Amino acid sequence: MVTVEHVEGRGRRGPDGRHARRVARFFTAPERLIALVLAVVLGLLVIVPLFQLVRETVTVQPYDAAYLPGRQPGELTWFHYERVFSGRMSWALF
């Protein structure tokens, strides 16, 4: 039976309401909520420091002045990677 509400669209929920409910239900499941919290903790404790570490190794630091004369702090360099992988002491590291 077709009612006036269905014809006018008041009886149907739009796709936005359905997707919002689906997303809310997805994130309120306990195992997914725990996984989301642990993913944020992983990002804060592991991924962000790892990114900062890599960023520090590819830029010239003020204490690198003795090894890289004429280079300004903040410039890009592969010095640290060259030193580790092909330097005189690389055999002792690997």
Protein backbone atom coordinates (compact mmCIF):
# COMPACT_ATOMS: atom_id res chain seq x y z
CA MET A 1 0.00 0.00 0.00
CA VAL A 2 1.37 3.40 -0.94
CA THR A 3 0.87 6.15 1.61
CA VAL A 4 1.06 9.90 1.26
CA GLU A 5 4.32 9.97 3.27
CA HIS A 6 6.01 7.62 0.83
CA VAL A 7 4.86 9.59 -2.16
CA GLU A 8 6.04 12.89 -0.67
CA GLY A 9 9.34 11.35 0.50
CA ARG A 10 8.79 11.84 4.23
CA GLY A 11 8.53 8.15 4.99
CA ARG A 12 11.86 7.22 3.41
CA ARG A 13 15.22 7.85 4.90
CA GLY A 14 17.73 9.30 2.52
CA PRO A 15 21.05 7.69 1.74
CA ASP A 16 22.83 10.14 4.07
CA GLY A 17 21.01 8.82 7.12
CA ARG A 18 21.70 5.24 6.15
CA HIS A 19 25.44 5.86 5.68
CA ALA A 20 25.68 7.83 8.91
CA ARG A 21 24.07 4.95 10.81
CA ARG A 22 26.37 2.46 9.13
CA VAL A 23 29.48 4.47 10.03
CA ALA A 24 28.28 5.00 13.61
CA ARG A 25 27.59 1.29 13.97
CA PHE A 26 31.01 0.46 12.51
CA PHE A 27 32.90 2.63 15.01
CA THR A 28 30.83 1.70 18.06
CA ALA A 29 31.67 -1.99 17.83
CA PRO A 30 34.06 -2.62 20.76
CA GLU A 31 36.73 -4.44 18.76
CA ARG A 32 36.80 -1.74 16.09
CA LEU A 33 36.92 1.04 18.67
CA ILE A 34 39.88 -0.66 20.37
CA ALA A 35 41.59 -1.13 17.00
CA LEU A 36 41.08 2.55 16.17
CA VAL A 37 42.53 3.67 19.51
CA LEU A 38 45.52 1.35 19.11
CA ALA A 39 46.11 2.60 15.55
CA VAL A 40 46.24 6.17 16.86
CA VAL A 41 48.65 5.10 19.64
CA LEU A 42 50.82 3.30 17.06
CA GLY A 43 50.91 6.43 14.94
CA LEU A 44 51.88 8.64 17.86
CA LEU A 45 54.48 6.37 19.43
CA VAL A 46 56.09 4.74 16.39
CA ILE A 47 55.29 6.27 13.00
CA VAL A 48 55.70 9.96 13.88
CA PRO A 49 59.12 9.48 15.57
CA LEU A 50 60.25 7.25 12.69
CA PHE A 51 59.31 9.96 10.19
CA GLN A 52 61.19 12.56 12.25
CA LEU A 53 64.24 10.29 12.46
CA VAL A 54 64.36 9.84 8.68
CA ARG A 55 63.84 13.58 8.19
CA GLU A 56 66.78 14.31 10.49
CA THR A 57 69.07 11.94 8.58
CA VAL A 58 68.47 13.51 5.17
CA THR A 59 69.04 17.11 6.28
CA VAL A 60 72.24 18.82 7.38
CA GLN A 61 72.32 19.41 11.13
CA PRO A 62 74.37 22.09 12.91
CA TYR A 63 76.69 19.44 14.40
CA ASP A 64 77.51 18.18 10.86
CA ALA A 65 79.58 21.33 10.16
CA ALA A 66 82.84 19.44 10.80
CA TYR A 67 81.96 16.77 8.23
CA LEU A 68 80.22 18.98 5.66
CA PRO A 69 81.96 22.36 5.41
CA GLY A 70 80.08 24.97 3.42
CA ARG A 71 76.70 23.31 3.85
CA GLN A 72 73.89 25.16 5.62
CA PRO A 73 71.72 23.46 8.27
CA GLY A 74 68.47 22.27 6.75
CA GLU A 75 69.85 21.43 3.29
CA LEU A 76 69.23 17.97 1.90
CA THR A 77 72.12 15.51 2.08
CA TRP A 78 72.77 11.79 1.68
CA PHE A 79 75.96 12.04 3.79
CA HIS A 80 74.72 9.88 6.66
CA TYR A 81 73.50 7.09 4.36
CA GLU A 82 76.71 7.16 2.29
CA ARG A 83 78.74 6.97 5.49
CA VAL A 84 76.78 4.00 6.84
CA PHE A 85 76.46 1.96 3.65
CA SER A 86 79.73 2.70 1.84
CA GLY A 87 82.07 4.27 4.41
CA ARG A 88 85.22 2.78 5.91
CA MET A 89 83.33 1.37 8.90
CA SER A 90 80.35 -0.06 7.03
CA TRP A 91 81.81 -3.56 7.24
CA ALA A 92 81.60 -3.35 11.04
CA LEU A 93 77.93 -2.34 10.96
CA PHE A 94 76.74 -5.16 8.71
